[in-house]
């Protein structure tokens, strides 16, 4: 996987990730590695005015992920069908990643070792060395 993209000002705009289970395409291939970009105001506004989201507010998640997940394995286009076909655990993972990068500005979470009690940060996107 390539390094995260950053603008000349150093702003990180793309976040590589590894899905817990992976998207299974029609040929049975599993795609786990992908990239999510930061959402824009246009992403948020356009998806909220989409008729599918108006009929079913839960569909807003599918529309936002379709727009912001820019790559997923060898899948040529990440569209609503791909997002709808994800396992529930992968959808939840992407929802959390979306919230983290767009609201919190990072993908790290603070954890404590259950054995020694030391605190440390883990990159939940899986793009750090040793990530899953």
C-alpha atoms as a PDB file:
ATOM      1  CA  UNK A   1       0.000   0.000   0.000  1.00  0.00           C
ATOM      2  CA  UNK A   2       1.239   3.483  -0.795  1.00  0.00           C
ATOM      3  CA  UNK A   3       1.994   6.168   1.767  1.00  0.00           C
ATOM      4  CA  UNK A   4      -0.834   8.478   2.847  1.00  0.00           C
ATOM      5  CA  UNK A   5      -1.376  11.469   0.573  1.00  0.00           C
ATOM      6  CA  UNK A   6      -0.680  14.933   1.942  1.00  0.00           C
ATOM      7  CA  UNK A   7      -0.934  18.355   0.397  1.00  0.00           C
ATOM      8  CA  UNK A   8       2.012  20.723   0.211  1.00  0.00           C
ATOM      9  CA  UNK A   9       0.921  22.134   3.563  1.00  0.00           C
ATOM     10  CA  UNK A  10       1.204  18.695   5.143  1.00  0.00           C
ATOM     11  CA  UNK A  11      -2.546  18.117   5.517  1.00  0.00           C
ATOM     12  CA  UNK A  12      -3.282  14.418   5.347  1.00  0.00           C
ATOM     13  CA  UNK A  13      -6.274  13.853   3.032  1.00  0.00           C
ATOM     14  CA  UNK A  14      -6.193  10.095   2.377  1.00  0.00           C
ATOM     15  CA  UNK A  15      -6.210   7.256   4.893  1.00  0.00           C
ATOM     16  CA  UNK A  16      -5.286   3.692   3.925  1.00  0.00           C
ATOM     17  CA  UNK A  17      -7.208   0.991   5.785  1.00  0.00           C
ATOM     18  CA  UNK A  18      -7.594  -2.765   6.040  1.00  0.00           C
ATOM     19  CA  UNK A  19     -11.109  -4.142   6.478  1.00  0.00           C
ATOM     20  CA  UNK A  20     -11.623  -6.714   9.242  1.00  0.00           C
ATOM     21  CA  UNK A  21     -13.270  -9.236   6.865  1.00  0.00           C
ATOM     22  CA  UNK A  22     -13.189  -7.779   3.357  1.00  0.00           C
ATOM     23  CA  UNK A  23     -15.472  -7.283   0.398  1.00  0.00           C
ATOM     24  CA  UNK A  24     -16.129 -10.489  -1.553  1.00  0.00           C
ATOM     25  CA  UNK A  25     -16.681  -9.786  -5.256  1.00  0.00           C
ATOM     26  CA  UNK A  26     -18.741 -11.865  -7.730  1.00  0.00           C
ATOM     27  CA  UNK A  27     -15.707 -14.068  -8.500  1.00  0.00           C
ATOM     28  CA  UNK A  28     -15.195 -14.847  -4.803  1.00  0.00           C
ATOM     29  CA  UNK A  29     -12.053 -12.691  -4.436  1.00  0.00           C
ATOM     30  CA  UNK A  30     -11.651 -10.894  -1.110  1.00  0.00           C
ATOM     31  CA  UNK A  31     -10.629  -7.218  -1.110  1.00  0.00           C
ATOM     32  CA  UNK A  32      -9.483  -5.839   2.258  1.00  0.00           C
ATOM     33  CA  UNK A  33      -7.046  -2.975   1.605  1.00  0.00           C
ATOM     34  CA  UNK A  34      -8.453   0.383   0.633  1.00  0.00           C
ATOM     35  CA  UNK A  35      -8.234   4.143   0.911  1.00  0.00           C
ATOM     36  CA  UNK A  36     -10.684   6.678   2.332  1.00  0.00           C
ATOM     37  CA  UNK A  37     -10.351  10.389   1.667  1.00  0.00           C
ATOM     38  CA  UNK A  38     -11.503  13.273   3.824  1.00  0.00           C
ATOM     39  CA  UNK A  39     -15.104  14.265   3.166  1.00  0.00           C
ATOM     40  CA  UNK A  40     -15.908  17.637   1.668  1.00  0.00           C
ATOM     41  CA  UNK A  41     -18.864  19.875   2.369  1.00  0.00           C
ATOM     42  CA  UNK A  42     -20.187  18.847  -1.061  1.00  0.00           C
ATOM     43  CA  UNK A  43     -20.109  15.169   0.011  1.00  0.00           C
ATOM     44  CA  UNK A  44     -22.201  15.934   3.073  1.00  0.00           C
ATOM     45  CA  UNK A  45     -24.672  18.245   1.316  1.00  0.00           C
ATOM     46  CA  UNK A  46     -25.147  16.165  -1.820  1.00  0.00           C
ATOM     47  CA  UNK A  47     -25.773  12.934   0.061  1.00  0.00           C
ATOM     48  CA  UNK A  48     -28.316  14.539   2.395  1.00  0.00           C
ATOM     49  CA  UNK A  49     -30.354  15.761  -0.560  1.00  0.00           C
ATOM     50  CA  UNK A  50     -30.270  12.352  -2.278  1.00  0.00           C
ATOM     51  CA  UNK A  51     -33.770  10.864  -2.556  1.00  0.00           C
ATOM     52  CA  UNK A  52     -32.584   7.468  -1.236  1.00  0.00           C
ATOM     53  CA  UNK A  53     -31.330   9.097   1.962  1.00  0.00           C
ATOM     54  CA  UNK A  54     -34.559  11.066   2.331  1.00  0.00           C
ATOM     55  CA  UNK A  55     -36.578   7.839   2.077  1.00  0.00           C
ATOM     56  CA  UNK A  56     -34.251   5.935   4.407  1.00  0.00           C
ATOM     57  CA  UNK A  57     -31.934   8.060   6.596  1.00  0.00           C
ATOM     58  CA  UNK A  58     -29.735   5.007   7.288  1.00  0.00           C
ATOM     59  CA  UNK A  59     -28.803   5.004   3.583  1.00  0.00           C
ATOM     60  CA  UNK A  60     -26.856   8.237   4.118  1.00  0.00           C
ATOM     61  CA  UNK A  61     -23.967   6.126   5.397  1.00  0.00           C
ATOM     62  CA  UNK A  62     -23.853   4.115   2.168  1.00  0.00           C
ATOM     63  CA  UNK A  63     -23.818   7.288   0.077  1.00  0.00           C
ATOM     64  CA  UNK A  64     -21.079   8.966   2.133  1.00  0.00           C
ATOM     65  CA  UNK A  65     -18.870   5.879   2.032  1.00  0.00           C
ATOM     66  CA  UNK A  66     -19.429   5.469  -1.713  1.00  0.00           C
ATOM     67  CA  UNK A  67     -18.104   8.993  -2.227  1.00  0.00           C
ATOM     68  CA  UNK A  68     -15.169   8.836   0.213  1.00  0.00           C
ATOM     69  CA  UNK A  69     -13.834   5.284  -0.202  1.00  0.00           C
ATOM     70  CA  UNK A  70     -11.646   5.871  -3.242  1.00  0.00           C
ATOM     71  CA  UNK A  71     -10.098   2.413  -3.531  1.00  0.00           C
ATOM     72  CA  UNK A  72     -10.802  -1.112  -2.328  1.00  0.00           C
ATOM     73  CA  UNK A  73      -8.407  -3.826  -3.436  1.00  0.00           C
ATOM     74  CA  UNK A  74      -8.698  -4.467  -7.167  1.00  0.00           C
ATOM     75  CA  UNK A  75     -12.338  -3.342  -7.361  1.00  0.00           C
ATOM     76  CA  UNK A  76     -12.527  -0.999 -10.381  1.00  0.00           C
ATOM     77  CA  UNK A  77     -15.192   1.308  -8.882  1.00  0.00           C
ATOM     78  CA  UNK A  78     -16.437   1.563  -5.308  1.00  0.00           C
ATOM     79  CA  UNK A  79     -20.142   2.229  -5.786  1.00  0.00           C
ATOM     80  CA  UNK A  80     -23.299   1.755  -3.721  1.00  0.00           C
ATOM     81  CA  UNK A  81     -23.464  -1.932  -4.696  1.00  0.00           C
ATOM     82  CA  UNK A  82     -19.998  -2.532  -3.217  1.00  0.00           C
ATOM     83  CA  UNK A  83     -20.800  -0.651   0.005  1.00  0.00           C
ATOM     84  CA  UNK A  84     -24.170  -2.423   0.323  1.00  0.00           C
ATOM     85  CA  UNK A  85     -22.406  -5.779  -0.129  1.00  0.00           C
ATOM     86  CA  UNK A  86     -19.950  -5.287   2.745  1.00  0.00           C
ATOM     87  CA  UNK A  87     -20.251  -7.428   5.842  1.00  0.00           C
ATOM     88  CA  UNK A  88     -21.821  -5.559   8.765  1.00  0.00           C
ATOM     89  CA  UNK A  89     -18.509  -5.560  10.660  1.00  0.00           C
ATOM     90  CA  UNK A  90     -16.740  -3.920   7.698  1.00  0.00           C
ATOM     91  CA  UNK A  91     -19.489  -1.318   7.332  1.00  0.00           C
ATOM     92  CA  UNK A  92     -19.194  -0.496  11.043  1.00  0.00           C
ATOM     93  CA  UNK A  93     -15.404  -0.260  10.678  1.00  0.00           C
ATOM     94  CA  UNK A  94     -15.725   2.212   7.780  1.00  0.00           C
ATOM     95  CA  UNK A  95     -18.354   4.266   9.626  1.00  0.00           C
ATOM     96  CA  UNK A  96     -15.993   4.568  12.581  1.00  0.00           C
ATOM     97  CA  UNK A  97     -13.048   5.422  10.329  1.00  0.00           C
ATOM     98  CA  UNK A  98     -15.135   8.096   8.577  1.00  0.00           C
ATOM     99  CA  UNK A  99     -16.066   9.633  11.923  1.00  0.00           C
ATOM    100  CA  UNK A 100     -12.492   9.514  13.194  1.00  0.00           C
ATOM    101  CA  UNK A 101     -10.853  11.177  10.197  1.00  0.00           C
ATOM    102  CA  UNK A 102     -13.572  13.761   9.593  1.00  0.00           C
ATOM    103  CA  UNK A 103     -14.458  14.672  13.188  1.00  0.00           C
ATOM    104  CA  UNK A 104     -11.403  13.729  15.229  1.00  0.00           C
ATOM    105  CA  UNK A 105      -8.795  14.328  12.507  1.00  0.00           C
ATOM    106  CA  UNK A 106      -6.870  11.112  13.149  1.00  0.00           C
ATOM    107  CA  UNK A 107      -7.229   7.334  13.185  1.00  0.00           C
ATOM    108  CA  UNK A 108      -5.499   6.604  16.479  1.00  0.00           C
ATOM    109  CA  UNK A 109      -7.225   5.349  19.584  1.00  0.00           C
ATOM    110  CA  UNK A 110      -5.764   5.273  23.103  1.00  0.00           C
ATOM    111  CA  UNK A 111      -5.576   1.808  24.658  1.00  0.00           C
ATOM    112  CA  UNK A 112      -4.112   0.176  27.740  1.00  0.00           C
ATOM    113  CA  UNK A 113      -2.299  -3.148  27.860  1.00  0.00           C
ATOM    114  CA  UNK A 114      -4.420  -5.561  29.927  1.00  0.00           C
ATOM    115  CA  UNK A 115      -1.269  -7.282  31.222  1.00  0.00           C
ATOM    116  CA  UNK A 116       1.114  -4.458  32.169  1.00  0.00           C
ATOM    117  CA  UNK A 117      -1.266  -1.483  32.254  1.00  0.00           C
ATOM    118  CA  UNK A 118       0.879   0.689  29.931  1.00  0.00           C
ATOM    119  CA  UNK A 119      -1.028   3.192  27.804  1.00  0.00           C
ATOM    120  CA  UNK A 120      -0.283   3.561  24.097  1.00  0.00           C
ATOM    121  CA  UNK A 121      -1.930   4.555  20.808  1.00  0.00           C
ATOM    122  CA  UNK A 122      -3.073   2.147  18.106  1.00  0.00           C
ATOM    123  CA  UNK A 123      -3.814   3.196  14.529  1.00  0.00           C
ATOM    124  CA  UNK A 124      -7.197   1.583  13.834  1.00  0.00           C
ATOM    125  CA  UNK A 125      -6.926   2.222  10.078  1.00  0.00           C
ATOM    126  CA  UNK A 126      -4.262  -0.462   9.902  1.00  0.00           C
ATOM    127  CA  UNK A 127      -1.771   1.591   7.883  1.00  0.00           C
ATOM    128  CA  UNK A 128       0.826   1.801  10.626  1.00  0.00           C
ATOM    129  CA  UNK A 129       3.551  -0.822  10.926  1.00  0.00           C
ATOM    130  CA  UNK A 130       2.113  -3.891  12.579  1.00  0.00           C
ATOM    131  CA  UNK A 131      -1.482  -2.793  11.846  1.00  0.00           C
ATOM    132  CA  UNK A 132      -4.068  -5.312  10.801  1.00  0.00           C
END
